[in-house]
Amino acid sequence: MHMQQNTSDSTARPGDNSDYQRRLARSIVKSMDVHEAIHVCQENGWEGVLRFVIALQRSAERRS
């Protein structure tokens, strides 16, 4: 029996959770200091979330 995969989002790749990582990064940056957020990501091995936290930090620095 062949199961049809959901292909409604053509940009999503198997195992790609970047949207979740982006949302999590925004959430933890709102909850704590950006430096604390970086530390939390490093402590938990959240490399993908860390990338977004750093990007948010750089974006905020450019706006200042």
PDB file of N, CA and C in Angstrom:
ATOM      1  N   MET A   1       0.838  -1.167   0.000  1.00  0.00           N
ATOM      2  CA  MET A   1       0.000   0.000   0.000  1.00  0.00           C
ATOM      3  C   MET A   1       0.893   1.244   0.000  1.00  0.00           C
ATOM      4  N   HIS A   2       0.621   2.172  -0.893  1.00  0.00           N
ATOM      5  CA  HIS A   2       1.409   3.392  -1.015  1.00  0.00           C
ATOM      6  C   HIS A   2       0.694   4.522  -0.296  1.00  0.00           C
ATOM      7  N   MET A   3       1.416   5.172   0.619  1.00  0.00           N
ATOM      8  CA  MET A   3       0.853   6.308   1.347  1.00  0.00           C
ATOM      9  C   MET A   3       1.280   7.588   0.642  1.00  0.00           C
ATOM     10  N   GLN A   4       0.356   8.470   0.397  1.00  0.00           N
ATOM     11  CA  GLN A   4       0.658   9.738  -0.248  1.00  0.00           C
ATOM     12  C   GLN A   4       1.143  10.726   0.799  1.00  0.00           C
ATOM     13  N   GLN A   5       2.261  11.401   0.502  1.00  0.00           N
ATOM     14  CA  GLN A   5       2.792  12.391   1.413  1.00  0.00           C
ATOM     15  C   GLN A   5       2.098  13.722   1.203  1.00  0.00           C
ATOM     16  N   ASN A   6       2.007  14.477   2.271  1.00  0.00           N
ATOM     17  CA  ASN A   6       1.440  15.814   2.193  1.00  0.00           C
ATOM     18  C   ASN A   6       2.471  16.728   1.549  1.00  0.00           C
ATOM     19  N   THR A   7       2.141  17.263   0.402  1.00  0.00           N
ATOM     20  CA  THR A   7       3.064  18.136  -0.326  1.00  0.00           C
ATOM     21  C   THR A   7       2.515  19.548  -0.444  1.00  0.00           C
ATOM     22  N   SER A   8       1.647  19.936   0.492  1.00  0.00           N
ATOM     23  CA  SER A   8       1.035  21.253   0.397  1.00  0.00           C
ATOM     24  C   SER A   8       2.048  22.381   0.582  1.00  0.00           C
ATOM     25  N   ASP A   9       3.123  22.119   1.312  1.00  0.00           N
ATOM     26  CA  ASP A   9       4.157  23.138   1.498  1.00  0.00           C
ATOM     27  C   ASP A   9       5.393  22.706   0.728  1.00  0.00           C
ATOM     28  N   SER A  10       5.544  23.220  -0.474  1.00  0.00           N
ATOM     29  CA  SER A  10       6.634  22.780  -1.332  1.00  0.00           C
ATOM     30  C   SER A  10       7.993  23.255  -0.846  1.00  0.00           C
ATOM     31  N   THR A  11       8.038  24.234   0.074  1.00  0.00           N
ATOM     32  CA  THR A  11       9.323  24.720   0.562  1.00  0.00           C
ATOM     33  C   THR A  11       9.836  23.908   1.741  1.00  0.00           C
ATOM     34  N   ALA A  12       8.973  23.161   2.398  1.00  0.00           N
ATOM     35  CA  ALA A  12       9.391  22.380   3.557  1.00  0.00           C
ATOM     36  C   ALA A  12      10.178  21.165   3.115  1.00  0.00           C
ATOM     37  N   ARG A  13      11.261  20.923   3.814  1.00  0.00           N
ATOM     38  CA  ARG A  13      12.074  19.738   3.550  1.00  0.00           C
ATOM     39  C   ARG A  13      11.933  18.794   4.722  1.00  0.00           C
ATOM     40  N   PRO A  14      12.044  17.501   4.488  1.00  0.00           N
ATOM     41  CA  PRO A  14      11.958  16.562   5.614  1.00  0.00           C
ATOM     42  C   PRO A  14      12.983  16.922   6.684  1.00  0.00           C
ATOM     43  N   GLY A  15      12.548  16.989   7.918  1.00  0.00           N
ATOM     44  CA  GLY A  15      13.432  17.311   9.020  1.00  0.00           C
ATOM     45  C   GLY A  15      13.724  18.795   9.187  1.00  0.00           C
ATOM     46  N   ASP A  16      13.128  19.641   8.354  1.00  0.00           N
ATOM     47  CA  ASP A  16      13.366  21.084   8.456  1.00  0.00           C
ATOM     48  C   ASP A  16      12.420  21.664   9.497  1.00  0.00           C
ATOM     49  N   ASN A  17      12.994  22.133  10.581  1.00  0.00           N
ATOM     50  CA  ASN A  17      12.165  22.735  11.627  1.00  0.00           C
ATOM     51  C   ASN A  17      12.567  24.184  11.872  1.00  0.00           C
ATOM     52  N   SER A  18      13.002  24.859  10.837  1.00  0.00           N
ATOM     53  CA  SER A  18      13.487  26.232  10.988  1.00  0.00           C
ATOM     54  C   SER A  18      12.389  27.192  11.444  1.00  0.00           C
ATOM     55  N   ASP A  19      11.153  26.979  11.030  1.00  0.00           N
ATOM     56  CA  ASP A  19      10.068  27.853  11.497  1.00  0.00           C
ATOM     57  C   ASP A  19       9.903  27.734  13.008  1.00  0.00           C
ATOM     58  N   TYR A  20       9.946  26.504  13.506  1.00  0.00           N
ATOM     59  CA  TYR A  20       9.851  26.273  14.950  1.00  0.00           C
ATOM     60  C   TYR A  20      11.051  26.907  15.667  1.00  0.00           C
ATOM     61  N   GLN A  21      12.244  26.728  15.114  1.00  0.00           N
ATOM     62  CA  GLN A  21      13.440  27.293  15.726  1.00  0.00           C
ATOM     63  C   GLN A  21      13.362  28.818  15.769  1.00  0.00           C
ATOM     64  N   ARG A  22      12.864  29.420  14.696  1.00  0.00           N
ATOM     65  CA  ARG A  22      12.712  30.878  14.643  1.00  0.00           C
ATOM     66  C   ARG A  22      11.739  31.355  15.720  1.00  0.00           C
ATOM     67  N   ARG A  23      10.596  30.667  15.837  1.00  0.00           N
ATOM     68  CA  ARG A  23       9.605  31.056  16.848  1.00  0.00           C
ATOM     69  C   ARG A  23      10.160  30.871  18.260  1.00  0.00           C
ATOM     70  N   LEU A  24      10.879  29.771  18.486  1.00  0.00           N
ATOM     71  CA  LEU A  24      11.461  29.521  19.800  1.00  0.00           C
ATOM     72  C   LEU A  24      12.504  30.587  20.136  1.00  0.00           C
ATOM     73  N   ALA A  25      13.320  30.947  19.173  1.00  0.00           N
ATOM     74  CA  ALA A  25      14.331  31.991  19.378  1.00  0.00           C
ATOM     75  C   ALA A  25      13.666  33.304  19.778  1.00  0.00           C
ATOM     76  N   ARG A  26      12.626  33.689  19.064  1.00  0.00           N
ATOM     77  CA  ARG A  26      11.920  34.935  19.399  1.00  0.00           C
ATOM     78  C   ARG A  26      11.337  34.876  20.801  1.00  0.00           C
ATOM     79  N   SER A  27      10.791  33.725  21.150  1.00  0.00           N
ATOM     80  CA  SER A  27      10.169  33.560  22.455  1.00  0.00           C
ATOM     81  C   SER A  27      11.188  33.667  23.587  1.00  0.00           C
ATOM     82  N   ILE A  28      12.323  32.996  23.447  1.00  0.00           N
ATOM     83  CA  ILE A  28      13.287  33.053  24.547  1.00  0.00           C
ATOM     84  C   ILE A  28      13.976  34.406  24.635  1.00  0.00           C
ATOM     85  N   VAL A  29      14.153  35.084  23.501  1.00  0.00           N
ATOM     86  CA  VAL A  29      14.742  36.423  23.533  1.00  0.00           C
ATOM     87  C   VAL A  29      13.787  37.396  24.226  1.00  0.00           C
ATOM     88  N   LYS A  30      12.477  37.218  24.027  1.00  0.00           N
ATOM     89  CA  LYS A  30      11.495  38.066  24.720  1.00  0.00           C
ATOM     90  C   LYS A  30      11.470  37.777  26.214  1.00  0.00           C
ATOM     91  N   SER A  31      11.775  36.530  26.587  1.00  0.00           N
ATOM     92  CA  SER A  31      11.689  36.101  27.983  1.00  0.00           C
ATOM     93  C   SER A  31      12.907  36.457  28.818  1.00  0.00           C
ATOM     94  N   MET A  32      14.046  36.659  28.152  1.00  0.00           N
ATOM     95  CA  MET A  32      15.280  36.903  28.888  1.00  0.00           C
ATOM     96  C   MET A  32      16.228  37.757  28.075  1.00  0.00           C
ATOM     97  N   ASP A  33      17.286  38.166  28.672  1.00  0.00           N
ATOM     98  CA  ASP A  33      18.358  38.897  28.011  1.00  0.00           C
ATOM     99  C   ASP A  33      18.914  38.042  26.862  1.00  0.00           C
ATOM    100  N   VAL A  34      19.301  38.689  25.765  1.00  0.00           N
ATOM    101  CA  VAL A  34      19.789  37.949  24.601  1.00  0.00           C
ATOM    102  C   VAL A  34      21.023  37.110  24.951  1.00  0.00           C
ATOM    103  N   HIS A  35      21.852  37.608  25.851  1.00  0.00           N
ATOM    104  CA  HIS A  35      23.043  36.853  26.247  1.00  0.00           C
ATOM    105  C   HIS A  35      22.658  35.594  27.024  1.00  0.00           C
ATOM    106  N   GLU A  36      21.613  35.700  27.847  1.00  0.00           N
ATOM    107  CA  GLU A  36      21.094  34.521  28.546  1.00  0.00           C
ATOM    108  C   GLU A  36      20.502  33.531  27.545  1.00  0.00           C
ATOM    109  N   ALA A  37      19.812  34.050  26.541  1.00  0.00           N
ATOM    110  CA  ALA A  37      19.228  33.192  25.507  1.00  0.00           C
ATOM    111  C   ALA A  37      20.323  32.422  24.763  1.00  0.00           C
ATOM    112  N   ILE A  38      21.418  33.108  24.457  1.00  0.00           N
ATOM    113  CA  ILE A  38      22.547  32.444  23.797  1.00  0.00           C
ATOM    114  C   ILE A  38      23.090  31.337  24.686  1.00  0.00           C
ATOM    115  N   HIS A  39      23.229  31.627  25.966  1.00  0.00           N
ATOM    116  CA  HIS A  39      23.734  30.631  26.918  1.00  0.00           C
ATOM    117  C   HIS A  39      22.807  29.411  26.982  1.00  0.00           C
ATOM    118  N   VAL A  40      21.508  29.657  27.057  1.00  0.00           N
ATOM    119  CA  VAL A  40      20.530  28.555  27.110  1.00  0.00           C
ATOM    120  C   VAL A  40      20.651  27.672  25.864  1.00  0.00           C
ATOM    121  N   CYS A  41      20.778  28.304  24.716  1.00  0.00           N
ATOM    122  CA  CYS A  41      20.917  27.541  23.465  1.00  0.00           C
ATOM    123  C   CYS A  41      22.181  26.700  23.474  1.00  0.00           C
ATOM    124  N   GLN A  42      23.278  27.290  23.926  1.00  0.00           N
ATOM    125  CA  GLN A  42      24.545  26.555  23.974  1.00  0.00           C
ATOM    126  C   GLN A  42      24.478  25.402  24.963  1.00  0.00           C
ATOM    127  N   GLU A  43      23.888  25.633  26.128  1.00  0.00           N
ATOM    128  CA  GLU A  43      23.770  24.602  27.155  1.00  0.00           C
ATOM    129  C   GLU A  43      22.924  23.421  26.691  1.00  0.00           C
ATOM    130  N   ASN A  44      21.923  23.707  25.856  1.00  0.00           N
ATOM    131  CA  ASN A  44      21.002  22.657  25.405  1.00  0.00           C
ATOM    132  C   ASN A  44      21.349  22.086  24.041  1.00  0.00           C
ATOM    133  N   GLY A  45      22.406  22.598  23.411  1.00  0.00           N
ATOM    134  CA  GLY A  45      22.802  22.086  22.099  1.00  0.00           C
ATOM    135  C   GLY A  45      21.838  22.480  20.994  1.00  0.00           C
ATOM    136  N   TRP A  46      21.204  23.617  21.145  1.00  0.00           N
ATOM    137  CA  TRP A  46      20.215  24.090  20.162  1.00  0.00           C
ATOM    138  C   TRP A  46      20.892  24.966  19.120  1.00  0.00           C
ATOM    139  N   GLU A  47      21.701  24.372  18.257  1.00  0.00           N
ATOM    140  CA  GLU A  47      22.453  25.154  17.274  1.00  0.00           C
ATOM    141  C   GLU A  47      21.552  25.943  16.332  1.00  0.00           C
ATOM    142  N   GLY A  48      20.473  25.333  15.880  1.00  0.00           N
ATOM    143  CA  GLY A  48      19.558  26.017  14.970  1.00  0.00           C
ATOM    144  C   GLY A  48      18.896  27.211  15.618  1.00  0.00           C
ATOM    145  N   VAL A  49      18.441  27.045  16.849  1.00  0.00           N
ATOM    146  CA  VAL A  49      17.817  28.147  17.581  1.00  0.00           C
ATOM    147  C   VAL A  49      18.860  29.229  17.850  1.00  0.00           C
ATOM    148  N   LEU A  50      20.070  28.816  18.172  1.00  0.00           N
ATOM    149  CA  LEU A  50      21.151  29.767  18.424  1.00  0.00           C
ATOM    150  C   LEU A  50      21.406  30.655  17.209  1.00  0.00           C
ATOM    151  N   ARG A  51      21.373  30.081  16.020  1.00  0.00           N
ATOM    152  CA  ARG A  51      21.552  30.880  14.798  1.00  0.00           C
ATOM    153  C   ARG A  51      20.517  31.999  14.725  1.00  0.00           C
ATOM    154  N   PHE A  52      19.260  31.673  15.034  1.00  0.00           N
ATOM    155  CA  PHE A  52      18.198  32.676  14.984  1.00  0.00           C
ATOM    156  C   PHE A  52      18.340  33.702  16.101  1.00  0.00           C
ATOM    157  N   VAL A  53      18.775  33.282  17.288  1.00  0.00           N
ATOM    158  CA  VAL A  53      18.981  34.227  18.387  1.00  0.00           C
ATOM    159  C   VAL A  53      20.060  35.233  18.001  1.00  0.00           C
ATOM    160  N   ILE A  54      21.151  34.742  17.437  1.00  0.00           N
ATOM    161  CA  ILE A  54      22.237  35.630  17.014  1.00  0.00           C
ATOM    162  C   ILE A  54      21.758  36.571  15.912  1.00  0.00           C
ATOM    163  N   ALA A  55      20.970  36.055  14.987  1.00  0.00           N
ATOM    164  CA  ALA A  55      20.435  36.898  13.920  1.00  0.00           C
ATOM    165  C   ALA A  55      19.529  37.983  14.495  1.00  0.00           C
ATOM    166  N   LEU A  56      18.719  37.644  15.491  1.00  0.00           N
ATOM    167  CA  LEU A  56      17.865  38.641  16.137  1.00  0.00           C
ATOM    168  C   LEU A  56      18.708  39.695  16.845  1.00  0.00           C
ATOM    169  N   GLN A  57      19.780  39.260  17.489  1.00  0.00           N
ATOM    170  CA  GLN A  57      20.667  40.192  18.182  1.00  0.00           C
ATOM    171  C   GLN A  57      21.299  41.164  17.185  1.00  0.00           C
ATOM    172  N   ARG A  58      21.787  40.643  16.078  1.00  0.00           N
ATOM    173  CA  ARG A  58      22.420  41.500  15.076  1.00  0.00           C
ATOM    174  C   ARG A  58      21.422  42.485  14.469  1.00  0.00           C
ATOM    175  N   SER A  59      20.218  42.000  14.235  1.00  0.00           N
ATOM    176  CA  SER A  59      19.175  42.858  13.690  1.00  0.00           C
ATOM    177  C   SER A  59      18.848  43.997  14.662  1.00  0.00           C
ATOM    178  N   ALA A  60      18.763  43.684  15.930  1.00  0.00           N
ATOM    179  CA  ALA A  60      18.475  44.699  16.951  1.00  0.00           C
ATOM    180  C   ALA A  60      19.620  45.706  17.040  1.00  0.00           C
ATOM    181  N   GLU A  61      20.850  45.226  16.918  1.00  0.00           N
ATOM    182  CA  GLU A  61      22.012  46.130  16.978  1.00  0.00           C
ATOM    183  C   GLU A  61      22.009  47.092  15.791  1.00  0.00           C
ATOM    184  N   ARG A  62      21.597  46.622  14.626  1.00  0.00           N
ATOM    185  CA  ARG A  62      21.555  47.484  13.447  1.00  0.00           C
ATOM    186  C   ARG A  62      20.502  48.570  13.585  1.00  0.00           C
ATOM    187  N   ARG A  63      19.399  48.242  14.269  1.00  0.00           N
ATOM    188  CA  ARG A  63      18.319  49.210  14.453  1.00  0.00           C
ATOM    189  C   ARG A  63      18.635  50.247  15.505  1.00  0.00           C
ATOM    190  N   SER A  64      19.599  49.968  16.384  1.00  0.00           N
ATOM    191  CA  SER A  64      19.942  50.899  17.474  1.00  0.00           C
ATOM    192  C   SER A  64      20.769  52.058  16.979  1.00  0.00           C
TER     193      SER A  64
END
